[in-house]
């Protein structure tokens, strides 16, 4: 797993701006899917699966502070657009009156759909600098994180429909066997 993470890190796009020498020029998503086989008391095997998304969002950028021009400015525009789309999704999820969540507005929100409004627990870690020069960005980041904190998901264990049906049929077979034995015993006595 570490090799995959390192390969992803090599593909990560970074560049220099006036605010940060190694500024993220893209978002990074590292997804880990864990599956395990569990045997219940009756000897039936069930598969449990979980997914962990580790997401590093590139920070929003103000052109006046970063001094971005050319390709860096285009990257900053795309970063800001995807963060704006993510903010819109978060706002829709928090607003009880909202009937539509715009997941399809960006690749980022589409990839994070199950982490945001799905059957998951989500934690957001907000990083910011202590310099008073970055006060506006710090406040903006805290507001963003506060909105995300207000998303209320209710994770539940989902069973595979086929596995669920097999389990129900096993129980029915067992019940019929008990009934059949009782009827045989009644006939023989």
Protein backbone atom coordinates (compact mmCIF):
# COMPACT_ATOMS: atom_id res chain seq x y z
CA UNK A 1 0.00 0.00 0.00
CA UNK A 2 2.87 2.35 0.76
CA UNK A 3 4.22 1.85 -2.78
CA UNK A 4 0.88 2.87 -4.26
CA UNK A 5 0.80 5.97 -2.03
CA UNK A 6 4.35 6.90 -3.09
CA UNK A 7 3.46 6.40 -6.78
CA UNK A 8 0.49 8.71 -6.31
CA UNK A 9 2.69 11.27 -4.59
CA UNK A 10 5.05 11.25 -7.60
CA UNK A 11 2.09 12.05 -9.87
CA UNK A 12 0.96 14.88 -7.62
CA UNK A 13 1.20 18.26 -9.26
CA UNK A 14 3.05 20.97 -7.30
CA UNK A 15 4.34 24.36 -8.32
CA UNK A 16 5.77 27.53 -6.91
CA UNK A 17 3.66 30.60 -6.15
CA UNK A 18 4.36 33.73 -4.11
CA UNK A 19 2.51 32.16 -1.16
CA UNK A 20 4.02 28.68 -1.22
CA UNK A 21 7.09 27.23 -2.88
CA UNK A 22 5.56 23.73 -3.11
CA UNK A 23 1.92 24.64 -3.67
CA UNK A 24 -0.52 21.83 -4.54
CA UNK A 25 -1.70 22.42 -8.08
CA UNK A 26 -4.33 19.71 -7.91
CA UNK A 27 -6.45 17.75 -5.44
CA UNK A 28 -5.29 14.26 -4.42
CA UNK A 29 -7.57 11.37 -3.49
CA UNK A 30 -6.19 8.11 -2.09
CA UNK A 31 -8.90 5.46 -1.71
CA UNK A 32 -8.42 2.35 0.37
CA UNK A 33 -11.01 -0.43 0.08
CA UNK A 34 -10.89 -3.04 2.81
CA UNK A 35 -12.79 -6.32 2.58
CA UNK A 36 -12.99 -9.03 5.19
CA UNK A 37 -14.77 -12.33 5.42
CA UNK A 38 -16.60 -12.96 8.68
CA UNK A 39 -18.12 -16.24 9.78
CA UNK A 40 -21.27 -16.07 11.89
CA UNK A 41 -22.27 -18.50 14.65
CA UNK A 42 -23.99 -20.78 12.10
CA UNK A 43 -20.84 -21.06 9.99
CA UNK A 44 -22.14 -18.80 7.21
CA UNK A 45 -19.59 -16.46 5.68
CA UNK A 46 -20.37 -12.79 5.18
CA UNK A 47 -18.22 -10.25 3.40
CA UNK A 48 -17.78 -6.86 5.01
CA UNK A 49 -16.32 -4.01 3.03
CA UNK A 50 -15.30 -0.49 3.87
CA UNK A 51 -13.80 2.39 1.97
CA UNK A 52 -11.47 5.07 3.27
CA UNK A 53 -10.87 8.19 1.17
CA UNK A 54 -7.88 10.28 2.14
CA UNK A 55 -8.34 13.59 0.35
CA UNK A 56 -5.86 16.43 0.07
CA UNK A 57 -7.61 19.48 -1.33
CA UNK A 58 -5.51 22.14 -2.94
CA UNK A 59 -6.22 25.42 -1.18
CA UNK A 60 -8.26 28.18 -2.74
CA UNK A 61 -6.12 30.84 -4.34
CA UNK A 62 -6.29 34.59 -4.67
CA UNK A 63 -4.43 35.66 -7.75
CA UNK A 64 -3.35 38.91 -6.11
CA UNK A 65 -1.49 37.01 -3.35
CA UNK A 66 -0.10 34.09 -5.36
CA UNK A 67 1.05 36.16 -8.31
CA UNK A 68 -0.18 33.34 -10.55
CA UNK A 69 0.04 33.90 -14.29
CA UNK A 70 -0.20 31.67 -17.35
CA UNK A 71 -0.53 27.96 -16.49
CA UNK A 72 -0.48 28.66 -12.74
CA UNK A 73 -3.45 31.02 -13.16
CA UNK A 74 -5.37 28.37 -15.16
CA UNK A 75 -4.63 25.80 -12.44
CA UNK A 76 -5.77 28.23 -9.74
CA UNK A 77 -9.01 28.87 -11.64
CA UNK A 78 -9.74 25.13 -11.89
CA UNK A 79 -8.88 24.61 -8.20
CA UNK A 80 -11.21 27.43 -7.18
CA UNK A 81 -14.03 26.16 -9.42
CA UNK A 82 -13.86 22.64 -7.95
CA UNK A 83 -13.71 24.00 -4.39
CA UNK A 84 -16.71 26.18 -5.16
CA UNK A 85 -18.60 23.13 -6.50
CA UNK A 86 -17.65 21.23 -3.33
CA UNK A 87 -18.91 24.15 -1.24
CA UNK A 88 -22.21 24.08 -3.15
CA UNK A 89 -22.60 20.34 -2.47
CA UNK A 90 -21.85 20.86 1.22
CA UNK A 91 -24.38 23.71 1.40
CA UNK A 92 -27.04 21.55 -0.30
CA UNK A 93 -26.41 18.68 2.11
CA UNK A 94 -26.65 20.96 5.14
CA UNK A 95 -29.77 22.78 3.90
CA UNK A 96 -32.80 20.67 4.81
CA UNK A 97 -34.89 22.47 2.17
CA UNK A 98 -32.55 21.55 -0.68
CA UNK A 99 -34.01 18.93 -3.01
CA UNK A 100 -31.02 18.62 -5.35
CA UNK A 101 -27.38 18.02 -4.50
CA UNK A 102 -25.13 19.07 -7.43
CA UNK A 103 -22.62 16.18 -7.30
CA UNK A 104 -22.16 16.22 -11.08
CA UNK A 105 -20.87 19.80 -11.17
CA UNK A 106 -17.24 18.67 -10.83
CA UNK A 107 -15.11 15.54 -10.97
CA UNK A 108 -14.12 16.15 -7.35
CA UNK A 109 -17.67 16.16 -6.00
CA UNK A 110 -18.60 13.13 -8.12
CA UNK A 111 -15.63 11.16 -6.74
CA UNK A 112 -16.47 12.19 -3.17
CA UNK A 113 -20.24 11.66 -3.45
CA UNK A 114 -20.41 8.68 -1.09
CA UNK A 115 -18.05 10.39 1.37
CA UNK A 116 -20.15 13.54 1.48
CA UNK A 117 -23.77 12.47 1.49
CA UNK A 118 -23.61 8.73 1.43
CA UNK A 119 -23.44 5.93 3.90
CA UNK A 120 -20.23 7.08 5.58
CA UNK A 121 -18.60 8.88 8.44
CA UNK A 122 -16.62 11.88 7.26
CA UNK A 123 -13.92 13.87 9.03
CA UNK A 124 -12.42 17.08 7.69
CA UNK A 125 -9.04 18.35 8.83
CA UNK A 126 -8.48 21.99 7.95
CA UNK A 127 -4.92 23.28 7.70
CA UNK A 128 -4.11 26.95 7.85
CA UNK A 129 -1.19 29.22 8.54
CA UNK A 130 -0.87 31.41 11.66
CA UNK A 131 0.44 34.48 9.83
CA UNK A 132 -1.77 37.55 10.01
CA UNK A 133 -1.06 37.98 6.29
CA UNK A 134 -3.27 34.91 5.72
CA UNK A 135 -6.09 36.01 8.02
CA UNK A 136 -8.73 36.12 5.26
CA UNK A 137 -7.78 32.63 3.99
CA UNK A 138 -7.81 31.27 7.54
CA UNK A 139 -11.32 32.61 8.21
CA UNK A 140 -12.52 31.31 4.84
CA UNK A 141 -11.07 27.84 5.60
CA UNK A 142 -12.70 27.76 9.03
CA UNK A 143 -16.09 28.71 7.57
CA UNK A 144 -15.71 26.01 4.92
CA UNK A 145 -14.84 23.39 7.54
CA UNK A 146 -17.73 24.53 9.74
CA UNK A 147 -20.20 24.00 6.90
CA UNK A 148 -18.76 20.52 6.27
CA UNK A 149 -19.07 19.73 9.99
CA UNK A 150 -22.82 20.27 9.75
CA UNK A 151 -23.34 17.39 7.28
CA UNK A 152 -25.29 14.68 9.11
CA UNK A 153 -24.86 11.18 7.65
CA UNK A 154 -26.32 8.06 9.21
CA UNK A 155 -24.11 5.11 8.25
CA UNK A 156 -25.73 1.67 8.28
CA UNK A 157 -24.39 -1.77 7.47
CA UNK A 158 -25.46 -2.71 3.96
CA UNK A 159 -25.87 -6.36 3.10
CA UNK A 160 -25.40 -7.78 -0.35
CA UNK A 161 -28.95 -8.51 -1.64
CA UNK A 162 -27.96 -11.98 -2.86
CA UNK A 163 -26.25 -12.80 0.40
CA UNK A 164 -29.31 -11.54 2.28
CA UNK A 165 -31.59 -13.77 0.19
CA UNK A 166 -29.31 -16.80 0.69
CA UNK A 167 -29.41 -16.19 4.45
CA UNK A 168 -33.22 -15.99 4.45
CA UNK A 169 -33.47 -19.22 2.41
CA UNK A 170 -31.08 -21.01 4.79
CA UNK A 171 -33.25 -20.01 7.73
CA UNK A 172 -36.37 -21.19 5.91
CA UNK A 173 -34.72 -24.53 5.05
CA UNK A 174 -33.70 -24.99 8.68
CA UNK A 175 -37.24 -24.19 9.83
CA UNK A 176 -38.70 -26.66 7.32
CA UNK A 177 -36.26 -29.37 8.47
CA UNK A 178 -37.36 -28.88 12.08
CA UNK A 179 -41.02 -29.00 11.03
CA UNK A 180 -40.40 -32.09 8.85
CA UNK A 181 -38.66 -33.90 11.73
CA UNK A 182 -41.52 -33.06 14.09
CA UNK A 183 -44.08 -34.41 11.59
CA UNK A 184 -42.06 -37.63 11.05
CA UNK A 185 -41.76 -38.17 14.78
CA UNK A 186 -45.54 -37.66 15.14
CA UNK A 187 -46.25 -40.21 12.35
CA UNK A 188 -43.91 -42.82 13.81
CA UNK A 189 -45.30 -42.63 17.32
